[in-house]
Amino acid sequence: YMDLKFSLGIDKPSQPVMQTLNQIIEYGTGQGSGIIYGAYTR
């Protein structure tokens, strides 16, 4: 998920905002309250 964001130039991984988002995702998925859906091309 984060790699896709960074590949689009949305922000740098070192930026505090992206660090916070990554922490939210990591914690949420780790405790089972968060989930990421991905869409793939053919």
Full PDB file with SEQRES, HELIX, SHEET, SSBOND, CRYST1, ORIGX, SCALE, CONECT and MASTER records, all heavy atoms in Angstrom:
SEQRES   1 A   42  TYR MET ASP LEU LYS PHE SER LEU GLY ILE ASP LYS PRO          
SEQRES   2 A   42  SER GLN PRO VAL MET GLN THR LEU ASN GLN ILE ILE GLU          
SEQRES   3 A   42  TYR GLY THR GLY GLN GLY SER GLY ILE ILE TYR GLY ALA          
SEQRES   4 A   42  TYR THR ARG                                                  
HELIX    1 AA1 MET A    2  SER A    7  1                                   6    
HELIX    2 AA2 PRO A   16  GLY A   30  1                                  15    
CRYST1    1.000    1.000    1.000  90.00  90.00  90.00 P 1           1          
ORIGX1      1.000000  0.000000  0.000000        0.00000                         
ORIGX2      0.000000  1.000000  0.000000        0.00000                         
ORIGX3      0.000000  0.000000  1.000000        0.00000                         
SCALE1      1.000000  0.000000  0.000000        0.00000                         
SCALE2      0.000000  1.000000  0.000000        0.00000                         
SCALE3      0.000000  0.000000  1.000000        0.00000                         
ATOM      1  N   TYR A   1       0.831  -1.205   0.000  1.00  0.00           N  
ATOM      2  CA  TYR A   1       0.000   0.000   0.000  1.00  0.00           C  
ATOM      3  C   TYR A   1       0.868   1.259   0.000  1.00  0.00           C  
ATOM      4  O   TYR A   1       0.686   2.150  -0.836  1.00  0.00           O  
ATOM      5  CB  TYR A   1      -0.896  -0.018   1.236  1.00  0.00           C  
ATOM      6  CG  TYR A   1      -1.872   1.140   1.317  1.00  0.00           C  
ATOM      7  CD1 TYR A   1      -3.122   1.047   0.735  1.00  0.00           C  
ATOM      8  CD2 TYR A   1      -1.533   2.320   1.977  1.00  0.00           C  
ATOM      9  CE1 TYR A   1      -4.019   2.098   0.799  1.00  0.00           C  
ATOM     10  CE2 TYR A   1      -2.423   3.383   2.051  1.00  0.00           C  
ATOM     11  CZ  TYR A   1      -3.664   3.257   1.462  1.00  0.00           C  
ATOM     12  OH  TYR A   1      -4.551   4.297   1.519  1.00  0.00           O  
ATOM     13  N   MET A   2       1.808   1.312   0.927  1.00  0.00           N  
ATOM     14  CA  MET A   2       2.656   2.495   1.035  1.00  0.00           C  
ATOM     15  C   MET A   2       3.569   2.639  -0.180  1.00  0.00           C  
ATOM     16  O   MET A   2       3.816   3.756  -0.644  1.00  0.00           O  
ATOM     17  CB  MET A   2       3.476   2.439   2.320  1.00  0.00           C  
ATOM     18  CG  MET A   2       2.646   2.412   3.606  1.00  0.00           C  
ATOM     19  SD  MET A   2       1.456   3.778   3.782  1.00  0.00           S  
ATOM     20  CE  MET A   2       2.576   5.173   4.006  1.00  0.00           C  
ATOM     21  N   ASP A   3       4.054   1.528  -0.700  1.00  0.00           N  
ATOM     22  CA  ASP A   3       4.903   1.588  -1.899  1.00  0.00           C  
ATOM     23  C   ASP A   3       4.150   2.198  -3.070  1.00  0.00           C  
ATOM     24  O   ASP A   3       4.728   2.959  -3.865  1.00  0.00           O  
ATOM     25  CB  ASP A   3       5.413   0.196  -2.271  1.00  0.00           C  
ATOM     26  CG  ASP A   3       6.533  -0.284  -1.358  1.00  0.00           C  
ATOM     27  OD1 ASP A   3       7.067   0.539  -0.585  1.00  0.00           O  
ATOM     28  OD2 ASP A   3       6.877  -1.486  -1.427  1.00  0.00           O  
ATOM     29  N   LEU A   4       2.856   1.856  -3.191  1.00  0.00           N  
ATOM     30  CA  LEU A   4       2.052   2.426  -4.265  1.00  0.00           C  
ATOM     31  C   LEU A   4       1.927   3.940  -4.076  1.00  0.00           C  
ATOM     32  O   LEU A   4       2.076   4.707  -5.029  1.00  0.00           O  
ATOM     33  CB  LEU A   4       0.662   1.781  -4.305  1.00  0.00           C  
ATOM     34  CG  LEU A   4      -0.302   2.328  -5.372  1.00  0.00           C  
ATOM     35  CD1 LEU A   4       0.279   2.158  -6.773  1.00  0.00           C  
ATOM     36  CD2 LEU A   4      -1.667   1.645  -5.264  1.00  0.00           C  
ATOM     37  N   LYS A   5       1.695   4.375  -2.857  1.00  0.00           N  
ATOM     38  CA  LYS A   5       1.623   5.815  -2.587  1.00  0.00           C  
ATOM     39  C   LYS A   5       2.926   6.518  -2.974  1.00  0.00           C  
ATOM     40  O   LYS A   5       2.925   7.535  -3.658  1.00  0.00           O  
ATOM     41  CB  LYS A   5       1.317   6.055  -1.101  1.00  0.00           C  
ATOM     42  CG  LYS A   5      -0.157   6.106  -0.752  1.00  0.00           C  
ATOM     43  CD  LYS A   5      -0.353   6.584   0.658  1.00  0.00           C  
ATOM     44  CE  LYS A   5      -1.822   6.865   0.960  1.00  0.00           C  
ATOM     45  NZ  LYS A   5      -2.378   8.020   0.233  1.00  0.00           N  
ATOM     46  N   PHE A   6       4.027   5.956  -2.511  1.00  0.00           N  
ATOM     47  CA  PHE A   6       5.318   6.596  -2.758  1.00  0.00           C  
ATOM     48  C   PHE A   6       5.678   6.584  -4.246  1.00  0.00           C  
ATOM     49  O   PHE A   6       6.294   7.523  -4.748  1.00  0.00           O  
ATOM     50  CB  PHE A   6       6.412   5.905  -1.951  1.00  0.00           C  
ATOM     51  CG  PHE A   6       6.184   5.960  -0.458  1.00  0.00           C  
ATOM     52  CD1 PHE A   6       6.544   4.896   0.349  1.00  0.00           C  
ATOM     53  CD2 PHE A   6       5.605   7.069   0.142  1.00  0.00           C  
ATOM     54  CE1 PHE A   6       6.341   4.936   1.723  1.00  0.00           C  
ATOM     55  CE2 PHE A   6       5.391   7.129   1.514  1.00  0.00           C  
ATOM     56  CZ  PHE A   6       5.765   6.057   2.301  1.00  0.00           C  
ATOM     57  N   SER A   7       5.271   5.539  -4.962  1.00  0.00           N  
ATOM     58  CA  SER A   7       5.579   5.453  -6.389  1.00  0.00           C  
ATOM     59  C   SER A   7       4.876   6.533  -7.195  1.00  0.00           C  
ATOM     60  O   SER A   7       5.314   6.887  -8.298  1.00  0.00           O  
ATOM     61  CB  SER A   7       5.185   4.076  -6.939  1.00  0.00           C  
ATOM     62  OG  SER A   7       3.770   3.936  -7.018  1.00  0.00           O  
ATOM     63  N   LEU A   8       3.780   7.061  -6.626  1.00  0.00           N  
ATOM     64  CA  LEU A   8       3.021   8.101  -7.310  1.00  0.00           C  
ATOM     65  C   LEU A   8       3.482   9.499  -6.927  1.00  0.00           C  
ATOM     66  O   LEU A   8       2.899  10.493  -7.354  1.00  0.00           O  
ATOM     67  CB  LEU A   8       1.526   7.945  -6.991  1.00  0.00           C  
ATOM     68  CG  LEU A   8       0.905   6.597  -7.390  1.00  0.00           C  
ATOM     69  CD1 LEU A   8      -0.529   6.528  -6.933  1.00  0.00           C  
ATOM     70  CD2 LEU A   8       1.008   6.388  -8.892  1.00  0.00           C  
ATOM     71  N   GLY A   9       4.525   9.555  -6.079  1.00  0.00           N  
ATOM     72  CA  GLY A   9       5.065  10.850  -5.676  1.00  0.00           C  
ATOM     73  C   GLY A   9       4.180  11.604  -4.725  1.00  0.00           C  
ATOM     74  O   GLY A   9       4.278  12.834  -4.602  1.00  0.00           O  
ATOM     75  N   ILE A  10       3.294  10.886  -4.011  1.00  0.00           N  
ATOM     76  CA  ILE A  10       2.384  11.556  -3.085  1.00  0.00           C  
ATOM     77  C   ILE A  10       3.149  12.184  -1.933  1.00  0.00           C  
ATOM     78  O   ILE A  10       2.861  13.279  -1.491  1.00  0.00           O  
ATOM     79  CB  ILE A  10       1.319  10.561  -2.575  1.00  0.00           C  
ATOM     80  CG1 ILE A  10       0.386  10.191  -3.733  1.00  0.00           C  
ATOM     81  CG2 ILE A  10       0.520  11.126  -1.407  1.00  0.00           C  
ATOM     82  CD1 ILE A  10      -0.616   9.133  -3.407  1.00  0.00           C  
ATOM     83  N   ASP A  11       4.143  11.499  -1.425  1.00  0.00           N  
ATOM     84  CA  ASP A  11       4.964  12.038  -0.354  1.00  0.00           C  
ATOM     85  C   ASP A  11       6.157  11.124  -0.161  1.00  0.00           C  
ATOM     86  O   ASP A  11       6.207  10.018  -0.699  1.00  0.00           O  
ATOM     87  CB  ASP A  11       4.173  12.137   0.952  1.00  0.00           C  
ATOM     88  CG  ASP A  11       4.589  13.347   1.782  1.00  0.00           C  
ATOM     89  OD1 ASP A  11       5.760  13.746   1.663  1.00  0.00           O  
ATOM     90  OD2 ASP A  11       3.765  13.878   2.521  1.00  0.00           O  
ATOM     91  N   LYS A  12       7.117  11.594   0.608  1.00  0.00           N  
ATOM     92  CA  LYS A  12       8.292  10.794   0.898  1.00  0.00           C  
ATOM     93  C   LYS A  12       8.041   9.942   2.143  1.00  0.00           C  
ATOM     94  O   LYS A  12       7.357  10.379   3.066  1.00  0.00           O  
ATOM     95  CB  LYS A  12       9.499  11.702   1.124  1.00  0.00           C  
ATOM     96  CG  LYS A  12       9.907  12.503  -0.103  1.00  0.00           C  
ATOM     97  CD  LYS A  12      11.103  13.394   0.203  1.00  0.00           C  
ATOM     98  CE  LYS A  12      11.499  14.203  -1.033  1.00  0.00           C  
ATOM     99  NZ  LYS A  12      12.646  15.109  -0.744  1.00  0.00           N  
ATOM    100  N   PRO A  13       8.617   8.732   2.185  1.00  0.00           N  
ATOM    101  CA  PRO A  13       8.415   7.866   3.353  1.00  0.00           C  
ATOM    102  C   PRO A  13       8.852   8.503   4.663  1.00  0.00           C  
ATOM    103  O   PRO A  13       8.336   8.162   5.719  1.00  0.00           O  
ATOM    104  CB  PRO A  13       9.276   6.641   3.024  1.00  0.00           C  
ATOM    105  CG  PRO A  13       9.435   6.664   1.541  1.00  0.00           C  
ATOM    106  CD  PRO A  13       9.426   8.112   1.146  1.00  0.00           C  
ATOM    107  N   SER A  14       9.793   9.442   4.581  1.00  0.00           N  
ATOM    108  CA  SER A  14      10.318  10.050   5.805  1.00  0.00           C  
ATOM    109  C   SER A  14       9.432  11.153   6.356  1.00  0.00           C  
ATOM    110  O   SER A  14       9.642  11.622   7.471  1.00  0.00           O  
ATOM    111  CB  SER A  14      11.724  10.618   5.540  1.00  0.00           C  
ATOM    112  OG  SER A  14      11.669  11.611   4.532  1.00  0.00           O  
ATOM    113  N   GLN A  15       8.443  11.592   5.599  1.00  0.00           N  
ATOM    114  CA  GLN A  15       7.587  12.673   6.052  1.00  0.00           C  
ATOM    115  C   GLN A  15       6.733  12.231   7.235  1.00  0.00           C  
ATOM    116  O   GLN A  15       6.183  11.129   7.228  1.00  0.00           O  
ATOM    117  CB  GLN A  15       6.690  13.162   4.918  1.00  0.00           C  
ATOM    118  CG  GLN A  15       7.430  13.843   3.778  1.00  0.00           C  
ATOM    119  CD  GLN A  15       8.071  15.151   4.215  1.00  0.00           C  
ATOM    120  OE1 GLN A  15       7.555  15.845   5.074  1.00  0.00           O  
ATOM    121  NE2 GLN A  15       9.206  15.474   3.636  1.00  0.00           N  
ATOM    122  N   PRO A  16       6.582  13.083   8.260  1.00  0.00           N  
ATOM    123  CA  PRO A  16       5.812  12.705   9.451  1.00  0.00           C  
ATOM    124  C   PRO A  16       4.385  12.241   9.144  1.00  0.00           C  
ATOM    125  O   PRO A  16       3.885  11.312   9.785  1.00  0.00           O  
ATOM    126  CB  PRO A  16       5.815  13.988  10.290  1.00  0.00           C  
ATOM    127  CG  PRO A  16       7.054  14.713   9.868  1.00  0.00           C  
ATOM    128  CD  PRO A  16       7.212  14.404   8.412  1.00  0.00           C  
ATOM    129  N   VAL A  17       3.737  12.878   8.173  1.00  0.00           N  
ATOM    130  CA  VAL A  17       2.359  12.502   7.846  1.00  0.00           C  
ATOM    131  C   VAL A  17       2.304  11.052   7.365  1.00  0.00           C  
ATOM    132  O   VAL A  17       1.452  10.271   7.789  1.00  0.00           O  
ATOM    133  CB  VAL A  17       1.774  13.450   6.780  1.00  0.00           C  
ATOM    134  CG1 VAL A  17       0.458  12.911   6.243  1.00  0.00           C  
ATOM    135  CG2 VAL A  17       1.580  14.842   7.357  1.00  0.00           C  
ATOM    136  N   MET A  18       3.214  10.678   6.478  1.00  0.00           N  
ATOM    137  CA  MET A  18       3.229   9.321   5.964  1.00  0.00           C  
ATOM    138  C   MET A  18       3.661   8.323   7.029  1.00  0.00           C  
ATOM    139  O   MET A  18       3.197   7.183   7.052  1.00  0.00           O  
ATOM    140  CB  MET A  18       4.152   9.234   4.746  1.00  0.00           C  
ATOM    141  CG  MET A  18       3.611   9.898   3.501  1.00  0.00           C  
ATOM    142  SD  MET A  18       2.066   9.138   2.871  1.00  0.00           S  
ATOM    143  CE  MET A  18       0.830  10.292   3.492  1.00  0.00           C  
ATOM    144  N   GLN A  19       4.533   8.747   7.920  1.00  0.00           N  
ATOM    145  CA  GLN A  19       4.927   7.875   9.016  1.00  0.00           C  
ATOM    146  C   GLN A  19       3.739   7.580   9.921  1.00  0.00           C  
ATOM    147  O   GLN A  19       3.532   6.441  10.358  1.00  0.00           O  
ATOM    148  CB  GLN A  19       6.065   8.518   9.817  1.00  0.00           C  
ATOM    149  CG  GLN A  19       7.396   8.557   9.070  1.00  0.00           C  
ATOM    150  CD  GLN A  19       8.493   9.241   9.876  1.00  0.00           C  
ATOM    151  OE1 GLN A  19       8.226   9.933  10.857  1.00  0.00           O  
ATOM    152  NE2 GLN A  19       9.727   9.052   9.453  1.00  0.00           N  
ATOM    153  N   THR A  20       2.941   8.614  10.186  1.00  0.00           N  
ATOM    154  CA  THR A  20       1.751   8.425  11.015  1.00  0.00           C  
ATOM    155  C   THR A  20       0.760   7.492  10.341  1.00  0.00           C  
ATOM    156  O   THR A  20       0.209   6.585  10.975  1.00  0.00           O  
ATOM    157  CB  THR A  20       1.077   9.774  11.312  1.00  0.00           C  
ATOM    158  OG1 THR A  20       1.990  10.608  12.032  1.00  0.00           O  
ATOM    159  CG2 THR A  20      -0.189   9.592  12.129  1.00  0.00           C  
ATOM    160  N   LEU A  21       0.515   7.710   9.047  1.00  0.00           N  
ATOM    161  CA  LEU A  21      -0.397   6.842   8.316  1.00  0.00           C  
ATOM    162  C   LEU A  21       0.087   5.395   8.354  1.00  0.00           C  
ATOM    163  O   LEU A  21      -0.701   4.466   8.592  1.00  0.00           O  
ATOM    164  CB  LEU A  21      -0.535   7.307   6.867  1.00  0.00           C  
ATOM    165  CG  LEU A  21      -1.396   6.419   5.962  1.00  0.00           C  
ATOM    166  CD1 LEU A  21      -2.818   6.323   6.486  1.00  0.00           C  
ATOM    167  CD2 LEU A  21      -1.381   6.947   4.532  1.00  0.00           C  
ATOM    168  N   ASN A  22       1.371   5.187   8.136  1.00  0.00           N  
ATOM    169  CA  ASN A  22       1.913   3.835   8.149  1.00  0.00           C  
ATOM    170  C   ASN A  22       1.744   3.188   9.524  1.00  0.00           C  
ATOM    171  O   ASN A  22       1.415   1.996   9.627  1.00  0.00           O  
ATOM    172  CB  ASN A  22       3.390   3.856   7.760  1.00  0.00           C  
ATOM    173  CG  ASN A  22       3.946   2.471   7.537  1.00  0.00           C  
ATOM    174  OD1 ASN A  22       3.388   1.679   6.774  1.00  0.00           O  
ATOM    175  ND2 ASN A  22       5.040   2.147   8.207  1.00  0.00           N  
ATOM    176  N   GLN A  23       1.926   3.957  10.583  1.00  0.00           N  
ATOM    177  CA  GLN A  23       1.750   3.433  11.931  1.00  0.00           C  
ATOM    178  C   GLN A  23       0.294   3.030  12.181  1.00  0.00           C  
ATOM    179  O   GLN A  23       0.017   1.986  12.790  1.00  0.00           O  
ATOM    180  CB  GLN A  23       2.183   4.478  12.962  1.00  0.00           C  
ATOM    181  CG  GLN A  23       3.687   4.688  13.025  1.00  0.00           C  
ATOM    182  CD  GLN A  23       4.068   5.817  13.974  1.00  0.00           C  
ATOM    183  OE1 GLN A  23       3.296   6.750  14.186  1.00  0.00           O  
ATOM    184  NE2 GLN A  23       5.250   5.736  14.544  1.00  0.00           N  
ATOM    185  N   ILE A  24      -0.636   3.857  11.706  1.00  0.00           N  
ATOM    186  CA  ILE A  24      -2.059   3.528  11.857  1.00  0.00           C  
ATOM    187  C   ILE A  24      -2.389   2.229  11.128  1.00  0.00           C  
ATOM    188  O   ILE A  24      -3.083   1.355  11.661  1.00  0.00           O  
ATOM    189  CB  ILE A  24      -2.938   4.680  11.326  1.00  0.00           C  
ATOM    190  CG1 ILE A  24      -2.775   5.925  12.189  1.00  0.00           C  
ATOM    191  CG2 ILE A  24      -4.401   4.263  11.268  1.00  0.00           C  
ATOM    192  CD1 ILE A  24      -3.406   7.169  11.601  1.00  0.00           C  
ATOM    193  N   ILE A  25      -1.882   2.106   9.912  1.00  0.00           N  
ATOM    194  CA  ILE A  25      -2.152   0.901   9.124  1.00  0.00           C  
ATOM    195  C   ILE A  25      -1.522  -0.325   9.774  1.00  0.00           C  
ATOM    196  O   ILE A  25      -2.170  -1.378   9.918  1.00  0.00           O  
ATOM    197  CB  ILE A  25      -1.645   1.084   7.679  1.00  0.00           C  
ATOM    198  CG1 ILE A  25      -2.468   2.149   6.963  1.00  0.00           C  
ATOM    199  CG2 ILE A  25      -1.711  -0.237   6.912  1.00  0.00           C  
ATOM    200  CD1 ILE A  25      -1.964   2.510   5.584  1.00  0.00           C  
ATOM    201  N   GLU A  26      -0.275  -0.195  10.197  1.00  0.00           N  
ATOM    202  CA  GLU A  26       0.416  -1.321  10.815  1.00  0.00           C  
ATOM    203  C   GLU A  26      -0.285  -1.769  12.097  1.00  0.00           C  
ATOM    204  O   GLU A  26      -0.496  -2.966  12.328  1.00  0.00           O  
ATOM    205  CB  GLU A  26       1.868  -0.938  11.130  1.00  0.00           C  
ATOM    206  CG  GLU A  26       2.763  -0.781   9.906  1.00  0.00           C  
ATOM    207  CD  GLU A  26       3.255  -2.119   9.360  1.00  0.00           C  
ATOM    208  OE1 GLU A  26       2.920  -3.161   9.950  1.00  0.00           O  
ATOM    209  OE2 GLU A  26       3.963  -2.107   8.338  1.00  0.00           O  
ATOM    210  N   TYR A  27      -0.649  -0.813  12.936  1.00  0.00           N  
ATOM    211  CA  TYR A  27      -1.292  -1.166  14.202  1.00  0.00           C  
ATOM    212  C   TYR A  27      -2.675  -1.762  13.950  1.00  0.00           C  
ATOM    213  O   TYR A  27      -3.044  -2.786  14.535  1.00  0.00           O  
ATOM    214  CB  TYR A  27      -1.401   0.060  15.105  1.00  0.00           C  
ATOM    215  CG  TYR A  27      -1.846  -0.285  16.512  1.00  0.00           C  
ATOM    216  CD1 TYR A  27      -0.918  -0.472  17.525  1.00  0.00           C  
ATOM    217  CD2 TYR A  27      -3.199  -0.430  16.827  1.00  0.00           C  
ATOM    218  CE1 TYR A  27      -1.316  -0.805  18.817  1.00  0.00           C  
ATOM    219  CE2 TYR A  27      -3.614  -0.760  18.110  1.00  0.00           C  
ATOM    220  CZ  TYR A  27      -2.666  -0.946  19.094  1.00  0.00           C  
ATOM    221  OH  TYR A  27      -3.070  -1.278  20.366  1.00  0.00           O  
ATOM    222  N   GLY A  28      -3.454  -1.117  13.095  1.00  0.00           N  
ATOM    223  CA  GLY A  28      -4.804  -1.596  12.825  1.00  0.00           C  
ATOM    224  C   GLY A  28      -4.836  -2.991  12.237  1.00  0.00           C  
ATOM    225  O   GLY A  28      -5.611  -3.851  12.673  1.00  0.00           O  
ATOM    226  N   THR A  29      -3.983  -3.239  11.247  1.00  0.00           N  
ATOM    227  CA  THR A  29      -3.948  -4.570  10.657  1.00  0.00           C  
ATOM    228  C   THR A  29      -3.390  -5.579  11.649  1.00  0.00           C  
ATOM    229  O   THR A  29      -3.844  -6.736  11.699  1.00  0.00           O  
ATOM    230  CB  THR A  29      -3.113  -4.586   9.365  1.00  0.00           C  
ATOM    231  OG1 THR A  29      -1.813  -4.039   9.631  1.00  0.00           O  
ATOM    232  CG2 THR A  29      -3.780  -3.763   8.275  1.00  0.00           C  
ATOM    233  N   GLY A  30      -2.436  -5.152  12.477  1.00  0.00           N  
ATOM    234  CA  GLY A  30      -1.837  -6.050  13.455  1.00  0.00           C  
ATOM    235  C   GLY A  30      -2.811  -6.535  14.502  1.00  0.00           C  
ATOM    236  O   GLY A  30      -2.757  -7.689  14.938  1.00  0.00           O  
ATOM    237  N   GLN A  31      -3.740  -5.669  14.911  1.00  0.00           N  
ATOM    238  CA  GLN A  31      -4.706  -6.056  15.935  1.00  0.00           C  
ATOM    239  C   GLN A  31      -6.021  -6.561  15.332  1.00  0.00           C  
ATOM    240  O   GLN A  31      -6.961  -6.882  16.062  1.00  0.00           O  
ATOM    241  CB  GLN A  31      -4.974  -4.893  16.886  1.00  0.00           C  
ATOM    242  CG  GLN A  31      -5.734  -3.734  16.284  1.00  0.00           C  
ATOM    243  CD  GLN A  31      -6.167  -2.728  17.341  1.00  0.00           C  
ATOM    244  OE1 GLN A  31      -5.909  -2.907  18.528  1.00  0.00           O  
ATOM    245  NE2 GLN A  31      -6.836  -1.667  16.920  1.00  0.00           N  
ATOM    246  N   GLY A  32      -6.089  -6.622  14.019  1.00  0.00           N  
ATOM    247  CA  GLY A  32      -7.254  -7.203  13.360  1.00  0.00           C  
ATOM    248  C   GLY A  32      -8.422  -6.267  13.159  1.00  0.00           C  
ATOM    249  O   GLY A  32      -9.512  -6.713  12.758  1.00  0.00           O  
ATOM    250  N   SER A  33      -8.231  -4.962  13.385  1.00  0.00           N  
ATOM    251  CA  SER A  33      -9.331  -4.023  13.196  1.00  0.00           C  
ATOM    252  C   SER A  33      -9.230  -3.272  11.869  1.00  0.00           C  
ATOM    253  O   SER A  33     -10.160  -2.548  11.498  1.00  0.00           O  
ATOM    254  CB  SER A  33      -9.380  -3.011  14.340  1.00  0.00           C  
ATOM    255  OG  SER A  33      -8.168  -2.291  14.425  1.00  0.00           O  
ATOM    256  N   GLY A  34      -8.134  -3.431  11.165  1.00  0.00           N  
ATOM    257  CA  GLY A  34      -7.958  -2.762   9.885  1.00  0.00           C  
ATOM    258  C   GLY A  34      -7.631  -3.756   8.788  1.00  0.00           C  
ATOM    259  O   GLY A  34      -7.031  -4.816   9.054  1.00  0.00           O  
ATOM    260  N   ILE A  35      -8.044  -3.438   7.569  1.00  0.00           N  
ATOM    261  CA  ILE A  35      -7.755  -4.319   6.441  1.00  0.00           C  
ATOM    262  C   ILE A  35      -7.576  -3.472   5.174  1.00  0.00           C  
ATOM    263  O   ILE A  35      -8.239  -2.440   4.999  1.00  0.00           O  
ATOM    264  CB  ILE A  35      -8.876  -5.363   6.239  1.00  0.00           C  
ATOM    265  CG1 ILE A  35      -8.455  -6.405   5.218  1.00  0.00           C  
ATOM    266  CG2 ILE A  35     -10.196  -4.697   5.856  1.00  0.00           C  
ATOM    267  CD1 ILE A  35      -9.316  -7.642   5.221  1.00  0.00           C  
ATOM    268  N   ILE A  36      -6.658  -3.913   4.323  1.00  0.00           N  
ATOM    269  CA  ILE A  36      -6.400  -3.215   3.063  1.00  0.00           C  
ATOM    270  C   ILE A  36      -6.935  -4.053   1.912  1.00  0.00           C  
ATOM    271  O   ILE A  36      -6.623  -5.246   1.799  1.00  0.00           O  
ATOM    272  CB  ILE A  36      -4.896  -2.979   2.843  1.00  0.00           C  
ATOM    273  CG1 ILE A  36      -4.274  -2.266   4.050  1.00  0.00           C  
ATOM    274  CG2 ILE A  36      -4.672  -2.151   1.578  1.00  0.00           C  
ATOM    275  CD1 ILE A  36      -2.764  -2.192   3.989  1.00  0.00           C  
ATOM    276  N   TYR A  37      -7.745  -3.428   1.071  1.00  0.00           N  
ATOM    277  CA  TYR A  37      -8.201  -4.049  -0.174  1.00  0.00           C  
ATOM    278  C   TYR A  37      -7.325  -3.498  -1.307  1.00  0.00           C  
ATOM    279  O   TYR A  37      -7.082  -2.289  -1.369  1.00  0.00           O  
ATOM    280  CB  TYR A  37      -9.663  -3.714  -0.461  1.00  0.00           C  
ATOM    281  CG  TYR A  37     -10.668  -4.563   0.281  1.00  0.00           C  
ATOM    282  CD1 TYR A  37     -10.688  -4.618   1.671  1.00  0.00           C  
ATOM    283  CD2 TYR A  37     -11.620  -5.312  -0.407  1.00  0.00           C  
ATOM    284  CE1 TYR A  37     -11.620  -5.380   2.351  1.00  0.00           C  
ATOM    285  CE2 TYR A  37     -12.570  -6.081   0.265  1.00  0.00           C  
ATOM    286  CZ  TYR A  37     -12.561  -6.106   1.650  1.00  0.00           C  
ATOM    287  OH  TYR A  37     -13.492  -6.878   2.314  1.00  0.00           O  
ATOM    288  N   GLY A  38      -6.903  -4.374  -2.195  1.00  0.00           N  
ATOM    289  CA  GLY A  38      -6.111  -3.961  -3.334  1.00  0.00           C  
ATOM    290  C   GLY A  38      -6.793  -4.318  -4.640  1.00  0.00           C  
ATOM    291  O   GLY A  38      -7.443  -5.364  -4.739  1.00  0.00           O  
ATOM    292  N   ALA A  39      -6.649  -3.455  -5.626  1.00  0.00           N  
ATOM    293  CA  ALA A  39      -7.190  -3.713  -6.963  1.00  0.00           C  
ATOM    294  C   ALA A  39      -6.020  -3.900  -7.924  1.00  0.00           C  
ATOM    295  O   ALA A  39      -5.082  -3.097  -7.939  1.00  0.00           O  
ATOM    296  CB  ALA A  39      -8.070  -2.554  -7.419  1.00  0.00           C  
ATOM    297  N   TYR A  40      -6.093  -4.956  -8.722  1.00  0.00           N  
ATOM    298  CA  TYR A  40      -5.018  -5.298  -9.647  1.00  0.00           C  
ATOM    299  C   TYR A  40      -5.540  -5.310 -11.082  1.00  0.00           C  
ATOM    300  O   TYR A  40      -6.695  -5.665 -11.346  1.00  0.00           O  
ATOM    301  CB  TYR A  40      -4.447  -6.684  -9.316  1.00  0.00           C  
ATOM    302  CG  TYR A  40      -3.679  -6.734  -8.019  1.00  0.00           C  
ATOM    303  CD1 TYR A  40      -4.351  -6.805  -6.800  1.00  0.00           C  
ATOM    304  CD2 TYR A  40      -2.289  -6.689  -8.003  1.00  0.00           C  
ATOM    305  CE1 TYR A  40      -3.649  -6.843  -5.599  1.00  0.00           C  
ATOM    306  CE2 TYR A  40      -1.583  -6.730  -6.809  1.00  0.00           C  
ATOM    307  CZ  TYR A  40      -2.263  -6.804  -5.615  1.00  0.00           C  
ATOM    308  OH  TYR A  40      -1.566  -6.848  -4.425  1.00  0.00           O  
ATOM    309  N   THR A  41      -4.657  -4.918 -11.996  1.00  0.00           N  
ATOM    310  CA  THR A  41      -4.997  -4.993 -13.417  1.00  0.00           C  
ATOM    311  C   THR A  41      -4.939  -6.443 -13.876  1.00  0.00           C  
ATOM    312  O   THR A  41      -4.454  -7.317 -13.159  1.00  0.00           O  
ATOM    313  CB  THR A  41      -4.006  -4.165 -14.244  1.00  0.00           C  
ATOM    314  OG1 THR A  41      -2.695  -4.765 -14.138  1.00  0.00           O  
ATOM    315  CG2 THR A  41      -3.940  -2.726 -13.760  1.00  0.00           C  
ATOM    316  N   ARG A  42      -5.401  -6.688 -15.069  1.00  0.00           N  
ATOM    317  CA  ARG A  42      -5.349  -8.061 -15.606  1.00  0.00           C  
ATOM    318  C   ARG A  42      -3.901  -8.533 -15.751  1.00  0.00           C  
ATOM    319  O   ARG A  42      -3.638  -9.731 -15.797  1.00  0.00           O  
ATOM    320  CB  ARG A  42      -6.112  -8.156 -16.922  1.00  0.00           C  
ATOM    321  CG  ARG A  42      -5.501  -7.394 -18.076  1.00  0.00           C  
ATOM    322  CD  ARG A  42      -6.171  -7.771 -19.411  1.00  0.00           C  
ATOM    323  NE  ARG A  42      -7.410  -7.028 -19.625  1.00  0.00           N  
ATOM    324  CZ  ARG A  42      -8.609  -7.586 -19.685  1.00  0.00           C  
ATOM    325  NH1 ARG A  42      -8.739  -8.890 -19.492  1.00  0.00           N  
ATOM    326  NH2 ARG A  42      -9.673  -6.848 -19.922  1.00  0.00           N  
TER     327      ARG A  42                                                      
MASTER        0    0    0    2    0    0    0    6  326    1    0    4          
END                                                                             
